[in-house]
Amino acid sequence: MITLLISHKLQGVSRPDPRDPAEHPVPASPDDARAVPSAADDDAAAGPARRGRVPEPIKVLIAAAFVIALGYGIVAPVLPQFAASFGVGVAAASAVISAFALCRLVFAPASGAVVNKLGERPTYLIGLIVVALSSAATAFAQTYGQLLIFRGLGGIGSTMFTVSAMGLIVRLAPPTMRGRVSGYYATAFLLGGILGPVLGGLLAGLGMHAPFLIYAGALLVAVLVVYVRLKDETIGAKRAGRAQPPMRVREALDAGAYRAALASSFSTGWTAMGVRVALVPLLAVQVVGEGPAVAGLALALFAVGNAAALTVTGRLTDRVGRKPLVLTGLLVCGLATIGVGLSTSVVMFAVLSLLSGVGSGTLNPGQQAAVADVIGPDRAGGRVLSRYQMCADAGQIAGPVLAGALADAAGFGWAFGISGALMLLAAIAWLPARDTLPPVSRTHAPAPRRK
């Protein structure tokens, strides 16, 4: 019901990269795997965007993303306690979370191949079903070993639906609103992640098993809705005979924007998704001198800044370009992260956490839209998208471990300083990249209103 309601409601000059295919176009025949959409195709795809409407299939994916994130937020607070109930220590309890992320990383290349073989929609549905079954199995785990295996299987399903969802957005989002759609999708995940723990707290009285079963049920509802609402789109694609030749990773790497997106994806995973969650609570206690309440405030302010930026930057990246927003976000998030490590007061700590969130929300829509631009709607980009996702997962896994070790050896200032510096290095990687915003986006930008 929640899914259906949300689905209803969602109504600079740079130096060109000499290896960028956009700088050296090659004439394509109808049989050429590198064939690109015609101007007429772009105009047809851009039609709904010019009228300001989000395509119905995209609404379904955004609503499903909210339900998925909501369910994950419900189980996240319970999972470490559930692992500890098997009589294991803190390290072993934390390993359950790492197992999920590690399986996402390891299985990402295979998930890209599955997307290219089966298509985005079947892979998306299979991934959701795998996560639903693993979540239900987790509720009935009898040993710590079983819990570890079941969570690992959930990570495999997670990377399947993540990569295929990105592929669906690439194929279904009009070029003129890729940034806007990426912003909506990220906001849905963010809101679900915020509301999930709150709902999980209200369900605490039902025991530690209930959240996993509720999550599994929510995922099955999402499966049903996606199966029904995206079915016509898939059948239509088959009838039209729109073959999608797979894009090779090597081919995508010829585009400077894709190489830069890999760098910024890794740094974002390291800093915004890994270090922020793992080290900010410790920094609040050991350096700022406050307790968990201030740590929670900092994390909440990051989410607020992220959400506020996403509501604006998604549309902006479709008007002014991908690159300016990505560069701005990397610089703001990088400098604010460095400042967080040097914080000595609650006010400074809170303000910089908010700015970090603003920077993260500013760069994400443009970064994802740039990857979508490189692939285009007529190519199967499973492997290309899986490598992009792998970079974020690798950063999220390595960041807390390496930055944590650096904090022990040299202090939090160095740990957050290096993390922020990675964001700034990613900004440097974007400097020579050519902006990928399609010309149709600028041509069909809404005219200013008359006063």
Protein backbone atom coordinates (compact mmCIF):
# COMPACT_ATOMS: atom_id res chain seq x y z
CA MET A 1 0.00 0.00 0.00
CA ILE A 2 2.86 2.36 0.89
CA THR A 3 4.51 1.59 -2.45
CA LEU A 4 1.34 2.34 -4.42
CA LEU A 5 0.72 5.63 -2.59
CA ILE A 6 4.26 6.88 -3.12
CA SER A 7 4.17 5.80 -6.76
CA HIS A 8 0.98 7.83 -7.23
CA LYS A 9 2.37 10.91 -5.48
CA LEU A 10 5.59 11.14 -7.46
CA GLN A 11 4.04 12.87 -10.28
CA GLY A 12 32.68 26.28 -17.06
CA VAL A 13 34.95 25.46 -19.99
CA SER A 14 37.06 22.33 -19.46
CA ARG A 15 39.84 20.74 -21.49
CA PRO A 16 38.43 17.96 -23.66
CA ASP A 17 39.65 14.45 -22.94
CA PRO A 18 41.54 13.21 -26.04
CA ARG A 19 40.27 9.68 -25.39
CA ASP A 20 36.66 10.70 -24.92
CA PRO A 21 34.56 9.11 -27.68
CA ALA A 22 32.39 12.21 -27.75
CA GLU A 23 35.38 14.16 -29.10
CA HIS A 24 35.96 11.69 -31.96
CA PRO A 25 32.59 10.40 -33.13
CA VAL A 26 32.60 7.35 -35.38
CA PRO A 27 29.84 6.87 -37.93
CA ALA A 28 27.68 3.93 -36.89
CA SER A 29 25.79 1.53 -39.06
CA PRO A 30 22.53 -0.10 -37.92
CA ASP A 31 24.50 -3.26 -37.08
CA ASP A 32 27.24 -1.45 -35.21
CA ALA A 33 27.16 -2.21 -31.46
CA ARG A 34 28.29 1.35 -30.84
CA ALA A 35 25.24 2.82 -32.54
CA VAL A 36 23.83 5.75 -30.62
CA PRO A 37 20.27 7.07 -30.46
CA SER A 38 19.22 9.45 -33.19
CA ALA A 39 18.12 12.99 -32.52
CA ALA A 40 14.55 11.90 -33.09
CA ASP A 41 14.93 9.17 -30.48
CA ASP A 42 16.31 11.70 -28.02
CA ASP A 43 13.41 14.02 -28.73
CA ALA A 44 10.92 11.22 -28.16
CA ALA A 45 12.56 10.19 -24.93
CA ALA A 46 12.72 13.77 -23.75
CA GLY A 47 9.02 14.40 -24.32
CA PRO A 48 7.80 13.58 -20.79
CA ALA A 49 10.69 15.50 -19.27
CA ARG A 50 9.85 18.64 -21.20
CA ARG A 51 6.36 18.43 -19.80
CA GLY A 52 7.80 18.01 -16.32
CA ARG A 53 6.40 14.51 -15.78
CA VAL A 54 8.35 11.61 -14.38
CA PRO A 55 7.69 8.46 -16.46
CA GLU A 56 5.46 5.96 -14.68
CA PRO A 57 8.06 3.12 -14.60
CA ILE A 58 10.51 5.47 -12.88
CA LYS A 59 7.88 6.28 -10.23
CA VAL A 60 7.54 2.57 -9.52
CA LEU A 61 11.30 2.18 -9.08
CA ILE A 62 11.47 5.20 -6.76
CA ALA A 63 8.60 3.88 -4.63
CA ALA A 64 10.24 0.46 -4.46
CA ALA A 65 13.53 2.09 -3.41
CA PHE A 66 11.76 3.77 -0.51
CA VAL A 67 10.25 0.47 0.68
CA ILE A 68 13.61 -1.33 0.37
CA ALA A 69 15.45 1.35 2.35
CA LEU A 70 12.65 1.50 4.93
CA GLY A 71 12.91 -2.25 5.52
CA TYR A 72 16.68 -2.17 5.73
CA GLY A 73 16.45 0.65 8.26
CA ILE A 74 14.08 -1.49 10.34
CA VAL A 75 16.55 -4.40 10.62
CA ALA A 76 19.80 -2.39 10.87
CA PRO A 77 19.49 -1.45 14.59
CA VAL A 78 18.50 -5.00 15.55
CA LEU A 79 21.11 -6.92 13.56
CA PRO A 80 24.17 -6.42 15.86
CA GLN A 81 22.09 -7.33 18.92
CA PHE A 82 20.71 -10.40 17.17
CA ALA A 83 24.26 -11.52 16.29
CA ALA A 84 25.41 -10.94 19.88
CA SER A 85 22.57 -13.16 21.12
CA PHE A 86 24.52 -16.16 19.77
CA GLY A 87 27.22 -15.51 22.36
CA VAL A 88 29.82 -13.92 20.08
CA GLY A 89 31.97 -10.87 20.70
CA VAL A 90 31.80 -7.39 19.22
CA ALA A 91 34.11 -8.21 16.31
CA ALA A 92 32.06 -11.24 15.30
CA ALA A 93 28.81 -9.29 15.62
CA SER A 94 30.23 -6.58 13.36
CA ALA A 95 31.36 -9.21 10.86
CA VAL A 96 27.71 -9.93 10.06
CA ILE A 97 27.40 -6.42 8.65
CA SER A 98 30.73 -6.75 6.82
CA ALA A 99 29.61 -10.07 5.28
CA PHE A 100 26.70 -8.32 3.59
CA ALA A 101 28.93 -5.59 2.15
CA LEU A 102 31.70 -8.04 1.16
CA CYS A 103 29.30 -10.26 -0.78
CA ARG A 104 27.96 -7.19 -2.57
CA LEU A 105 31.50 -6.32 -3.62
CA VAL A 106 32.58 -9.82 -4.65
CA PHE A 107 29.39 -10.63 -6.57
CA ALA A 108 29.15 -7.26 -8.36
CA PRO A 109 30.97 -8.38 -11.55
CA ALA A 110 28.73 -11.45 -11.81
CA SER A 111 25.62 -9.34 -11.26
CA GLY A 112 26.63 -7.14 -14.18
CA ALA A 113 26.91 -10.23 -16.40
CA VAL A 114 23.50 -11.44 -15.19
CA VAL A 115 21.94 -8.09 -16.08
CA ASN A 116 23.40 -8.26 -19.59
CA LYS A 117 22.18 -11.85 -19.99
CA LEU A 118 18.68 -11.72 -18.46
CA GLY A 119 17.87 -8.03 -18.65
CA GLU A 120 17.36 -5.41 -15.95
CA ARG A 121 13.80 -6.24 -14.91
CA PRO A 122 14.23 -10.02 -14.32
CA THR A 123 17.51 -9.41 -12.48
CA TYR A 124 15.87 -6.74 -10.33
CA LEU A 125 13.02 -9.08 -9.35
CA ILE A 126 15.35 -12.02 -8.66
CA GLY A 127 17.57 -9.82 -6.50
CA LEU A 128 14.62 -8.61 -4.42
CA ILE A 129 13.38 -12.18 -3.96
CA VAL A 130 16.84 -13.35 -2.86
CA VAL A 131 17.06 -10.57 -0.26
CA ALA A 132 13.51 -11.30 0.94
CA LEU A 133 14.23 -15.02 1.39
CA SER A 134 17.58 -14.36 3.08
CA SER A 135 15.91 -11.90 5.46
CA ALA A 136 13.21 -14.41 6.36
CA ALA A 137 15.85 -17.12 6.82
CA THR A 138 17.84 -14.79 9.08
CA ALA A 139 14.87 -14.56 11.43
CA PHE A 140 15.03 -18.34 11.91
CA ALA A 141 18.83 -18.70 12.12
CA GLN A 142 19.80 -21.17 14.84
CA THR A 143 23.56 -20.58 14.89
CA TYR A 144 25.96 -17.72 14.26
CA GLY A 145 27.27 -19.53 11.18
CA GLN A 146 23.79 -19.68 9.67
CA LEU A 147 23.28 -15.99 10.37
CA LEU A 148 26.53 -15.16 8.60
CA ILE A 149 25.58 -17.22 5.54
CA PHE A 150 22.08 -15.83 5.29
CA ARG A 151 23.29 -12.22 5.49
CA GLY A 152 25.92 -12.95 2.86
CA LEU A 153 23.25 -14.28 0.51
CA GLY A 154 21.33 -11.07 1.13
CA GLY A 155 24.36 -9.11 -0.08
CA ILE A 156 24.33 -11.07 -3.34
CA GLY A 157 20.66 -10.23 -3.90
CA SER A 158 21.30 -6.62 -2.95
CA THR A 159 23.94 -6.05 -5.61
CA MET A 160 21.67 -7.71 -8.19
CA PHE A 161 18.79 -5.31 -7.65
CA THR A 162 21.09 -2.31 -7.17
CA VAL A 163 22.91 -2.75 -10.48
CA SER A 164 19.73 -3.65 -12.37
CA ALA A 165 17.86 -0.66 -10.89
CA MET A 166 20.59 1.65 -12.16
CA GLY A 167 20.31 -0.06 -15.54
CA LEU A 168 16.55 0.47 -15.63
CA ILE A 169 16.97 4.14 -14.78
CA VAL A 170 19.58 4.50 -17.53
CA ARG A 171 17.18 2.94 -20.05
CA LEU A 172 13.92 4.54 -18.94
CA ALA A 173 14.90 8.04 -17.77
CA PRO A 174 14.75 10.68 -20.55
CA PRO A 175 18.17 12.29 -21.16
CA THR A 176 16.74 15.67 -20.14
CA MET A 177 15.92 14.50 -16.60
CA ARG A 178 18.53 11.92 -15.65
CA GLY A 179 19.89 14.12 -12.89
CA ARG A 180 16.42 14.83 -11.56
CA VAL A 181 15.51 11.12 -11.52
CA SER A 182 18.80 10.25 -9.80
CA GLY A 183 17.99 12.84 -7.16
CA TYR A 184 14.50 11.44 -6.60
CA TYR A 185 15.86 7.90 -6.34
CA ALA A 186 18.56 8.88 -3.85
CA THR A 187 16.03 10.86 -1.80
CA ALA A 188 13.72 7.84 -1.61
CA PHE A 189 16.55 5.72 -0.23
CA LEU A 190 17.56 8.47 2.17
CA LEU A 191 14.05 8.97 3.56
CA GLY A 192 13.55 5.23 3.91
CA GLY A 193 16.85 4.96 5.75
CA ILE A 194 15.82 7.75 8.13
CA LEU A 195 12.31 6.48 8.86
CA GLY A 196 13.31 2.81 9.03
CA PRO A 197 15.17 2.94 12.37
CA VAL A 198 12.32 5.00 13.86
CA LEU A 199 9.80 2.37 12.81
CA GLY A 200 12.16 -0.34 13.99
CA GLY A 201 12.24 1.22 17.43
CA LEU A 202 8.44 1.16 17.57
CA LEU A 203 8.51 -2.54 16.65
CA ALA A 204 11.11 -3.42 19.28
CA GLY A 205 8.46 -4.90 21.54
CA LEU A 206 7.74 -7.63 18.97
CA GLY A 207 11.15 -9.22 19.51
CA MET A 208 14.34 -9.44 17.45
CA HIS A 209 12.92 -11.82 14.85
CA ALA A 210 9.96 -9.68 13.74
CA PRO A 211 11.90 -6.93 11.90
CA PHE A 212 13.47 -9.47 9.53
CA LEU A 213 10.09 -10.98 8.69
CA ILE A 214 8.56 -7.53 8.18
CA TYR A 215 11.43 -6.61 5.88
CA ALA A 216 10.91 -9.81 3.89
CA GLY A 217 7.20 -9.08 3.54
CA ALA A 218 7.85 -5.51 2.40
CA LEU A 219 10.27 -6.76 -0.25
CA LEU A 220 7.74 -9.26 -1.58
CA VAL A 221 5.19 -6.44 -1.89
CA ALA A 222 7.78 -4.47 -3.87
CA VAL A 223 8.37 -7.52 -6.09
CA LEU A 224 4.65 -7.79 -6.84
CA VAL A 225 4.29 -4.09 -7.67
CA VAL A 226 7.39 -3.98 -9.89
CA TYR A 227 6.33 -7.20 -11.67
CA VAL A 228 2.89 -5.81 -12.48
CA ARG A 229 3.71 -2.15 -13.17
CA LEU A 230 6.87 -2.68 -15.27
CA LYS A 231 5.55 -5.65 -17.25
CA ASP A 232 4.08 -3.65 -20.13
CA GLU A 233 7.30 -1.67 -20.52
CA THR A 234 9.34 -4.85 -20.92
CA ILE A 235 6.88 -6.48 -23.35
CA GLY A 236 6.82 -3.28 -25.41
CA ALA A 237 10.61 -3.29 -25.64
CA LYS A 238 10.62 -6.89 -26.90
CA ARG A 239 7.92 -6.24 -29.49
CA ALA A 240 9.83 -3.27 -30.83
CA GLY A 241 12.86 -5.49 -31.24
CA ARG A 242 15.13 -3.06 -29.45
CA ALA A 243 18.28 -5.13 -29.06
CA GLN A 244 20.72 -3.75 -26.51
CA PRO A 245 24.32 -4.67 -27.30
CA PRO A 246 26.35 -4.79 -24.06
CA MET A 247 28.83 -2.02 -23.42
CA ARG A 248 32.27 -3.27 -22.44
CA VAL A 249 34.02 -1.78 -19.42
CA ARG A 250 37.02 -0.95 -21.59
CA GLU A 251 34.74 1.00 -23.90
CA ALA A 252 33.27 2.97 -20.99
CA LEU A 253 36.75 3.71 -19.67
CA ASP A 254 37.44 5.61 -22.88
CA ALA A 255 35.10 8.28 -21.52
CA GLY A 256 36.79 10.63 -19.07
CA ALA A 257 33.54 11.17 -17.16
CA TYR A 258 33.27 7.44 -16.40
CA ARG A 259 36.84 7.24 -15.13
CA ALA A 260 36.23 10.28 -12.95
CA ALA A 261 32.95 8.78 -11.68
CA LEU A 262 34.80 5.65 -10.54
CA ALA A 263 37.17 7.83 -8.50
CA SER A 264 34.39 9.90 -6.94
CA SER A 265 32.30 6.78 -6.28
CA PHE A 266 35.16 5.23 -4.30
CA SER A 267 35.85 8.40 -2.33
CA THR A 268 32.13 8.86 -1.58
CA GLY A 269 31.84 5.26 -0.39
CA TRP A 270 34.93 5.71 1.80
CA THR A 271 33.98 9.07 3.32
CA ALA A 272 30.22 9.62 3.16
CA MET A 273 29.06 6.03 3.61
CA GLY A 274 31.89 4.38 5.54
CA VAL A 275 33.89 6.75 7.72
CA ARG A 276 30.88 8.92 8.56
CA VAL A 277 28.95 6.04 10.12
CA ALA A 278 31.91 4.31 11.78
CA LEU A 279 34.01 7.18 13.13
CA VAL A 280 31.67 10.14 13.71
CA PRO A 281 30.14 8.55 16.85
CA LEU A 282 33.63 7.87 18.24
CA LEU A 283 34.81 11.38 17.40
CA ALA A 284 31.82 12.86 19.23
CA VAL A 285 32.79 11.07 22.44
CA GLN A 286 36.60 11.15 22.39
CA VAL A 287 37.32 14.56 20.86
CA VAL A 288 34.25 16.78 21.09
CA GLY A 289 33.62 15.39 24.57
CA GLU A 290 29.92 14.64 24.13
CA GLY A 291 27.86 11.48 24.18
CA PRO A 292 25.75 9.48 21.72
CA ALA A 293 23.13 12.23 21.54
CA VAL A 294 25.54 14.60 19.77
CA ALA A 295 26.74 11.79 17.52
CA GLY A 296 23.13 11.13 16.55
CA LEU A 297 22.61 14.84 15.93
CA ALA A 298 25.61 14.94 13.60
CA LEU A 299 24.39 11.96 11.60
CA ALA A 300 20.89 13.45 11.43
CA LEU A 301 22.23 16.81 10.23
CA PHE A 302 24.22 15.05 7.51
CA ALA A 303 20.98 13.41 6.34
CA VAL A 304 19.13 16.74 6.47
CA GLY A 305 21.83 18.47 4.41
CA ASN A 306 21.85 15.58 1.96
CA ALA A 307 18.08 15.64 1.49
CA ALA A 308 17.98 19.44 1.15
CA ALA A 309 20.64 19.40 -1.55
CA LEU A 310 19.04 16.53 -3.47
CA THR A 311 15.78 18.46 -3.84
CA VAL A 312 17.62 21.16 -5.79
CA THR A 313 20.70 19.64 -7.44
CA GLY A 314 18.85 16.92 -9.34
CA ARG A 315 17.13 19.53 -11.51
CA LEU A 316 20.21 21.76 -11.66
CA THR A 317 22.42 19.03 -13.06
CA ASP A 318 20.00 18.65 -15.98
CA ARG A 319 20.29 22.38 -16.74
CA VAL A 320 23.85 23.52 -16.04
CA GLY A 321 25.65 20.20 -16.53
CA ARG A 322 26.86 17.19 -14.57
CA LYS A 323 30.43 18.33 -13.99
CA PRO A 324 29.85 21.66 -12.18
CA LEU A 325 27.59 20.04 -9.57
CA VAL A 326 29.92 17.09 -9.05
CA LEU A 327 32.94 19.36 -8.59
CA THR A 328 31.06 21.61 -6.18
CA GLY A 329 29.83 18.66 -4.14
CA LEU A 330 33.26 17.03 -3.92
CA LEU A 331 34.89 20.28 -2.80
CA VAL A 332 32.24 21.07 -0.17
CA CYS A 333 32.11 17.52 1.20
CA GLY A 334 35.89 17.14 1.17
CA LEU A 335 36.64 20.41 2.98
CA ALA A 336 33.82 19.88 5.48
CA THR A 337 35.07 16.36 6.23
CA ILE A 338 38.55 17.69 6.94
CA GLY A 339 36.97 20.28 9.23
CA VAL A 340 34.96 17.65 11.10
CA GLY A 341 38.21 15.97 12.17
CA LEU A 342 39.44 19.26 13.58
CA SER A 343 36.23 20.11 15.47
CA THR A 344 36.56 21.09 19.10
CA SER A 345 33.02 22.29 19.83
CA VAL A 346 29.53 20.93 19.38
CA VAL A 347 28.46 23.87 17.17
CA MET A 348 31.42 23.46 14.81
CA PHE A 349 30.91 19.69 14.74
CA ALA A 350 27.21 20.07 13.88
CA VAL A 351 27.64 22.77 11.20
CA LEU A 352 30.39 20.86 9.40
CA SER A 353 28.33 17.65 9.51
CA LEU A 354 25.47 19.54 7.85
CA LEU A 355 27.80 20.91 5.16
CA SER A 356 29.19 17.42 4.52
CA GLY A 357 25.66 16.24 3.83
CA VAL A 358 25.03 19.18 1.49
CA GLY A 359 28.18 18.32 -0.45
CA SER A 360 27.26 14.65 -0.73
CA GLY A 361 23.74 15.49 -1.93
CA THR A 362 25.14 17.96 -4.46
CA LEU A 363 27.49 15.54 -6.20
CA ASN A 364 25.42 12.33 -6.32
CA PRO A 365 22.80 13.19 -8.99
CA GLY A 366 25.39 14.53 -11.41
CA GLN A 367 27.74 11.61 -10.83
CA GLN A 368 25.05 9.01 -11.52
CA ALA A 369 23.65 10.95 -14.46
CA ALA A 370 27.11 11.12 -16.02
CA VAL A 371 27.46 7.34 -15.87
CA ALA A 372 23.99 7.02 -17.42
CA ASP A 373 24.99 9.44 -20.19
CA VAL A 374 28.08 7.38 -21.01
CA ILE A 375 26.03 4.18 -21.34
CA GLY A 376 22.99 5.66 -23.08
CA PRO A 377 19.51 4.12 -23.37
CA ASP A 378 20.35 1.73 -26.23
CA ARG A 379 23.21 -0.16 -24.61
CA ALA A 380 23.19 -2.85 -21.92
CA GLY A 381 25.40 -1.46 -19.19
CA GLY A 382 25.35 -4.23 -16.58
CA ARG A 383 29.12 -4.69 -16.37
CA VAL A 384 29.79 -0.96 -16.57
CA LEU A 385 27.36 -0.22 -13.76
CA SER A 386 28.63 -3.08 -11.61
CA ARG A 387 32.19 -1.68 -11.71
CA TYR A 388 30.84 1.71 -10.71
CA GLN A 389 28.97 0.15 -7.79
CA MET A 390 32.03 -1.91 -6.81
CA CYS A 391 34.04 1.26 -6.30
CA ALA A 392 31.51 2.58 -3.78
CA ASP A 393 31.34 -0.77 -1.98
CA ALA A 394 35.13 -1.05 -1.85
CA GLY A 395 35.40 2.42 -0.35
CA GLN A 396 32.66 1.69 2.17
CA ILE A 397 34.47 -1.47 3.31
CA ALA A 398 38.03 -0.14 3.32
CA GLY A 399 37.31 3.34 4.69
CA PRO A 400 36.24 2.47 8.24
CA VAL A 401 39.05 -0.08 8.65
CA LEU A 402 41.93 2.01 7.31
CA ALA A 403 40.72 5.34 8.66
CA GLY A 404 40.04 3.69 12.01
CA ALA A 405 43.59 2.35 12.13
CA LEU A 406 44.89 5.81 11.22
CA ALA A 407 42.80 7.35 14.00
CA ASP A 408 44.36 4.93 16.51
CA ALA A 409 47.87 5.67 15.28
CA ALA A 410 47.77 9.41 14.60
CA GLY A 411 44.42 10.76 15.78
CA PHE A 412 41.03 11.63 14.33
CA GLY A 413 42.38 14.75 12.63
CA TRP A 414 44.52 12.64 10.31
CA ALA A 415 41.76 10.07 9.73
CA PHE A 416 39.21 12.67 8.62
CA GLY A 417 41.90 14.70 6.87
CA ILE A 418 42.88 11.80 4.62
CA SER A 419 39.21 10.97 4.02
CA GLY A 420 38.47 14.55 2.97
CA ALA A 421 41.60 14.62 0.81
CA LEU A 422 40.26 11.63 -1.15
CA MET A 423 37.21 13.72 -2.07
CA LEU A 424 39.48 16.54 -3.24
CA LEU A 425 41.58 14.12 -5.31
CA ALA A 426 38.38 12.88 -6.93
CA ALA A 427 37.57 16.50 -7.81
CA ILE A 428 40.94 16.74 -9.56
CA ALA A 429 40.06 13.59 -11.52
CA TRP A 430 36.93 15.34 -12.81
CA LEU A 431 38.77 18.46 -14.07
CA PRO A 432 39.88 17.09 -17.47
CA ALA A 433 36.64 15.14 -18.01
CA ARG A 434 34.19 16.40 -20.61
CA ASP A 435 30.67 17.21 -19.39
CA THR A 436 28.24 14.55 -20.61
CA LEU A 437 25.01 16.58 -20.44
CA PRO A 438 23.21 15.90 -23.75
CA PRO A 439 22.69 19.03 -25.90
CA VAL A 440 18.94 18.30 -25.93
CA SER A 441 18.84 19.11 -22.20
CA ARG A 442 20.06 22.64 -22.82
CA THR A 443 18.02 23.04 -25.99
CA HIS A 444 14.77 22.08 -24.29
CA ALA A 445 15.35 23.74 -20.95
CA PRO A 446 12.18 25.46 -19.71
CA ALA A 447 11.97 29.10 -20.74
CA PRO A 448 12.08 31.71 -17.97
CA ARG A 449 8.69 32.80 -16.74
CA ARG A 450 7.60 36.29 -17.61
CA LYS A 451 7.14 38.60 -14.69
